[in-house]
Amino acid sequence: MKIFRNRSGASAIEFAMIAPIIVLLMMGVIEFGLILFTYASAQNTTRNVVRMLATNQISTTEAQSDCLNGLPTWVNGSASVSIVESAPSDPSSNMITVEISFPAEKATPTNVLSWAYGSLTIHAESIMHQEAAT
């Protein structure tokens, strides 16, 4: 007498146990990619804005809005922009610093793993020497 086992039921149960872990892992990869994209966008924006400030193409008030416009839409409203000039009256020694910071939970639209990075704040900063006005 032979006993046959039905493996289809066992594999469905095993998959049901593993599926949430696989989905959470995939969402974590996607979320980390979005956070990295947002950080790269913020870093690129600070670099472009400080370059335009250093070459006297825009004013400080325009730089604030340019910084916010360079970020992904899901970050808007939660980012803070800081523009500091060491010697605004002396272009030959003026160092311009542009910094954007925002909470990591706003760096991604998904927020699946926000419990993992909690109160982490992301900072992007660029510093450049101002050119003399011609």
C-alpha atoms as a PDB file:
ATOM      1  CA  MET A   1       0.000   0.000   0.000  1.00  0.00           C
ATOM      2  CA  LYS A   2       1.417   3.344  -1.100  1.00  0.00           C
ATOM      3  CA  ILE A   3       0.729   6.663   0.586  1.00  0.00           C
ATOM      4  CA  PHE A   4       0.659   9.714  -1.676  1.00  0.00           C
ATOM      5  CA  ARG A   5       1.240  13.171  -0.321  1.00  0.00           C
ATOM      6  CA  ASN A   6      -0.368  16.253  -1.734  1.00  0.00           C
ATOM      7  CA  ARG A   7       2.356  18.929  -1.823  1.00  0.00           C
ATOM      8  CA  SER A   8       0.120  21.658  -3.266  1.00  0.00           C
ATOM      9  CA  GLY A   9      -1.378  22.518   0.125  1.00  0.00           C
ATOM     10  CA  ALA A  10       1.990  22.671   1.855  1.00  0.00           C
ATOM     11  CA  SER A  11       3.542  24.965  -0.750  1.00  0.00           C
ATOM     12  CA  ALA A  12       0.605  27.388  -0.553  1.00  0.00           C
ATOM     13  CA  ILE A  13       1.048  27.631   3.211  1.00  0.00           C
ATOM     14  CA  GLU A  14       4.789  28.140   2.860  1.00  0.00           C
ATOM     15  CA  PHE A  15       4.229  30.885   0.298  1.00  0.00           C
ATOM     16  CA  ALA A  16       1.660  32.570   2.548  1.00  0.00           C
ATOM     17  CA  MET A  17       4.269  32.675   5.299  1.00  0.00           C
ATOM     18  CA  ILE A  18       7.057  34.028   3.080  1.00  0.00           C
ATOM     19  CA  ALA A  19       5.043  36.442   0.872  1.00  0.00           C
ATOM     20  CA  PRO A  20       4.754  39.294   3.449  1.00  0.00           C
ATOM     21  CA  ILE A  21       8.500  39.186   4.029  1.00  0.00           C
ATOM     22  CA  ILE A  22       9.198  39.311   0.292  1.00  0.00           C
ATOM     23  CA  VAL A  23       6.738  42.193  -0.212  1.00  0.00           C
ATOM     24  CA  LEU A  24       8.250  44.130   2.720  1.00  0.00           C
ATOM     25  CA  LEU A  25      11.740  43.567   1.336  1.00  0.00           C
ATOM     26  CA  MET A  26      10.718  44.788  -2.129  1.00  0.00           C
ATOM     27  CA  MET A  27       8.979  47.869  -0.685  1.00  0.00           C
ATOM     28  CA  GLY A  28      12.106  48.582   1.352  1.00  0.00           C
ATOM     29  CA  VAL A  29      14.247  48.506  -1.776  1.00  0.00           C
ATOM     30  CA  ILE A  30      11.829  50.829  -3.588  1.00  0.00           C
ATOM     31  CA  GLU A  31      11.608  53.187  -0.621  1.00  0.00           C
ATOM     32  CA  PHE A  32      15.380  53.323  -0.177  1.00  0.00           C
ATOM     33  CA  GLY A  33      15.716  54.117  -3.891  1.00  0.00           C
ATOM     34  CA  LEU A  34      13.219  56.971  -3.576  1.00  0.00           C
ATOM     35  CA  ILE A  35      15.046  58.385  -0.544  1.00  0.00           C
ATOM     36  CA  LEU A  36      18.334  58.200  -2.426  1.00  0.00           C
ATOM     37  CA  PHE A  37      16.728  59.901  -5.452  1.00  0.00           C
ATOM     38  CA  THR A  38      15.358  62.684  -3.241  1.00  0.00           C
ATOM     39  CA  TYR A  39      18.741  63.215  -1.581  1.00  0.00           C
ATOM     40  CA  ALA A  40      20.490  63.350  -4.984  1.00  0.00           C
ATOM     41  CA  SER A  41      17.896  65.872  -6.199  1.00  0.00           C
ATOM     42  CA  ALA A  42      18.447  68.034  -3.123  1.00  0.00           C
ATOM     43  CA  GLN A  43      22.234  67.877  -3.505  1.00  0.00           C
ATOM     44  CA  ASN A  44      22.013  68.748  -7.200  1.00  0.00           C
ATOM     45  CA  THR A  45      19.643  71.629  -6.447  1.00  0.00           C
ATOM     46  CA  THR A  46      21.942  73.119  -3.787  1.00  0.00           C
ATOM     47  CA  ARG A  47      24.894  72.873  -6.162  1.00  0.00           C
ATOM     48  CA  ASN A  48      23.017  74.614  -8.988  1.00  0.00           C
ATOM     49  CA  VAL A  49      21.587  77.349  -6.769  1.00  0.00           C
ATOM     50  CA  VAL A  50      24.895  78.142  -5.057  1.00  0.00           C
ATOM     51  CA  ARG A  51      26.559  78.315  -8.493  1.00  0.00           C
ATOM     52  CA  MET A  52      23.943  80.812  -9.714  1.00  0.00           C
ATOM     53  CA  LEU A  53      24.333  82.855  -6.520  1.00  0.00           C
ATOM     54  CA  ALA A  54      28.121  82.823  -6.766  1.00  0.00           C
ATOM     55  CA  THR A  55      28.037  84.032 -10.362  1.00  0.00           C
ATOM     56  CA  ASN A  56      25.509  86.779  -9.502  1.00  0.00           C
ATOM     57  CA  GLN A  57      22.764  85.354 -11.737  1.00  0.00           C
ATOM     58  CA  ILE A  58      20.046  85.292  -9.062  1.00  0.00           C
ATOM     59  CA  SER A  59      19.295  87.011  -5.762  1.00  0.00           C
ATOM     60  CA  THR A  60      18.931  85.354  -2.371  1.00  0.00           C
ATOM     61  CA  THR A  61      15.131  85.565  -2.478  1.00  0.00           C
ATOM     62  CA  GLU A  62      15.054  83.871  -5.889  1.00  0.00           C
ATOM     63  CA  ALA A  63      17.421  81.205  -4.554  1.00  0.00           C
ATOM     64  CA  GLN A  64      14.917  80.202  -1.854  1.00  0.00           C
ATOM     65  CA  SER A  65      12.190  79.454  -4.396  1.00  0.00           C
ATOM     66  CA  ASP A  66      14.654  77.807  -6.822  1.00  0.00           C
ATOM     67  CA  CYS A  67      15.722  75.413  -4.052  1.00  0.00           C
ATOM     68  CA  LEU A  68      12.151  74.402  -3.290  1.00  0.00           C
ATOM     69  CA  ASN A  69      11.270  74.054  -6.990  1.00  0.00           C
ATOM     70  CA  GLY A  70      14.218  71.699  -7.543  1.00  0.00           C
ATOM     71  CA  LEU A  71      12.933  69.122  -5.065  1.00  0.00           C
ATOM     72  CA  PRO A  72      10.471  66.318  -5.850  1.00  0.00           C
ATOM     73  CA  THR A  73       6.834  67.260  -5.253  1.00  0.00           C
ATOM     74  CA  TRP A  74       6.422  64.956  -2.249  1.00  0.00           C
ATOM     75  CA  VAL A  75       9.014  66.985  -0.283  1.00  0.00           C
ATOM     76  CA  ASN A  76       7.347  70.383  -0.800  1.00  0.00           C
ATOM     77  CA  GLY A  77       6.147  72.001   2.376  1.00  0.00           C
ATOM     78  CA  SER A  78       8.508  70.078   4.640  1.00  0.00           C
ATOM     79  CA  ALA A  79      11.907  71.286   3.394  1.00  0.00           C
ATOM     80  CA  SER A  80      13.778  74.167   4.969  1.00  0.00           C
ATOM     81  CA  VAL A  81      16.277  76.227   2.988  1.00  0.00           C
ATOM     82  CA  SER A  82      19.178  78.098   4.556  1.00  0.00           C
ATOM     83  CA  ILE A  83      21.359  80.546   2.610  1.00  0.00           C
ATOM     84  CA  VAL A  84      24.336  82.012   4.455  1.00  0.00           C
ATOM     85  CA  GLU A  85      26.879  84.494   3.122  1.00  0.00           C
ATOM     86  CA  SER A  86      30.108  85.042   5.069  1.00  0.00           C
ATOM     87  CA  ALA A  87      30.766  88.572   3.755  1.00  0.00           C
ATOM     88  CA  PRO A  88      27.918  89.769   1.535  1.00  0.00           C
ATOM     89  CA  SER A  89      29.432  93.252   1.093  1.00  0.00           C
ATOM     90  CA  ASP A  90      32.828  91.902  -0.068  1.00  0.00           C
ATOM     91  CA  PRO A  91      32.525  89.543  -3.071  1.00  0.00           C
ATOM     92  CA  SER A  92      36.274  88.806  -3.031  1.00  0.00           C
ATOM     93  CA  SER A  93      35.979  87.012   0.319  1.00  0.00           C
ATOM     94  CA  ASN A  94      32.295  86.014   0.346  1.00  0.00           C
ATOM     95  CA  MET A  95      31.572  82.297   0.779  1.00  0.00           C
ATOM     96  CA  ILE A  96      27.994  81.307   0.014  1.00  0.00           C
ATOM     97  CA  THR A  97      26.451  78.258   1.692  1.00  0.00           C
ATOM     98  CA  VAL A  98      23.133  76.789   0.573  1.00  0.00           C
ATOM     99  CA  GLU A  99      21.590  74.045   2.691  1.00  0.00           C
ATOM    100  CA  ILE A 100      18.350  72.116   2.260  1.00  0.00           C
ATOM    101  CA  SER A 101      17.084  69.859   5.029  1.00  0.00           C
ATOM    102  CA  PHE A 102      13.940  67.778   5.391  1.00  0.00           C
ATOM    103  CA  PRO A 103      12.722  64.795   7.441  1.00  0.00           C
ATOM    104  CA  ALA A 104      13.523  61.397   5.919  1.00  0.00           C
ATOM    105  CA  GLU A 105       9.876  60.369   6.174  1.00  0.00           C
ATOM    106  CA  LYS A 106       9.044  63.156   3.681  1.00  0.00           C
ATOM    107  CA  ALA A 107      11.790  61.998   1.296  1.00  0.00           C
ATOM    108  CA  THR A 108       9.556  59.240  -0.054  1.00  0.00           C
ATOM    109  CA  PRO A 109       5.859  59.126  -0.921  1.00  0.00           C
ATOM    110  CA  THR A 110       5.459  55.536   0.294  1.00  0.00           C
ATOM    111  CA  ASN A 111       6.490  55.679   3.999  1.00  0.00           C
ATOM    112  CA  VAL A 112       6.267  51.895   4.371  1.00  0.00           C
ATOM    113  CA  LEU A 113       9.409  51.693   6.495  1.00  0.00           C
ATOM    114  CA  SER A 114       9.149  55.063   8.249  1.00  0.00           C
ATOM    115  CA  TRP A 115       9.369  53.229  11.577  1.00  0.00           C
ATOM    116  CA  ALA A 116      12.956  52.258  10.642  1.00  0.00           C
ATOM    117  CA  TYR A 117      14.335  55.751  10.024  1.00  0.00           C
ATOM    118  CA  GLY A 118      11.986  57.671  12.333  1.00  0.00           C
ATOM    119  CA  SER A 119      13.282  61.145  13.134  1.00  0.00           C
ATOM    120  CA  LEU A 120      16.239  61.101  10.731  1.00  0.00           C
ATOM    121  CA  THR A 121      16.805  64.408   8.919  1.00  0.00           C
ATOM    122  CA  ILE A 122      18.403  64.595   5.489  1.00  0.00           C
ATOM    123  CA  HIS A 123      20.774  67.510   4.759  1.00  0.00           C
ATOM    124  CA  ALA A 124      22.193  68.602   1.422  1.00  0.00           C
ATOM    125  CA  GLU A 125      24.748  71.400   1.419  1.00  0.00           C
ATOM    126  CA  SER A 126      26.950  73.204  -1.103  1.00  0.00           C
ATOM    127  CA  ILE A 127      29.505  75.952  -0.530  1.00  0.00           C
ATOM    128  CA  MET A 128      31.049  78.201  -3.170  1.00  0.00           C
ATOM    129  CA  HIS A 129      33.193  81.324  -3.331  1.00  0.00           C
ATOM    130  CA  GLN A 130      31.421  84.302  -4.904  1.00  0.00           C
ATOM    131  CA  GLU A 131      32.824  85.749  -8.098  1.00  0.00           C
ATOM    132  CA  ALA A 132      33.405  89.447  -8.365  1.00  0.00           C
ATOM    133  CA  ALA A 133      30.643  91.335 -10.164  1.00  0.00           C
ATOM    134  CA  THR A 134      31.629  92.638 -13.577  1.00  0.00           C
END
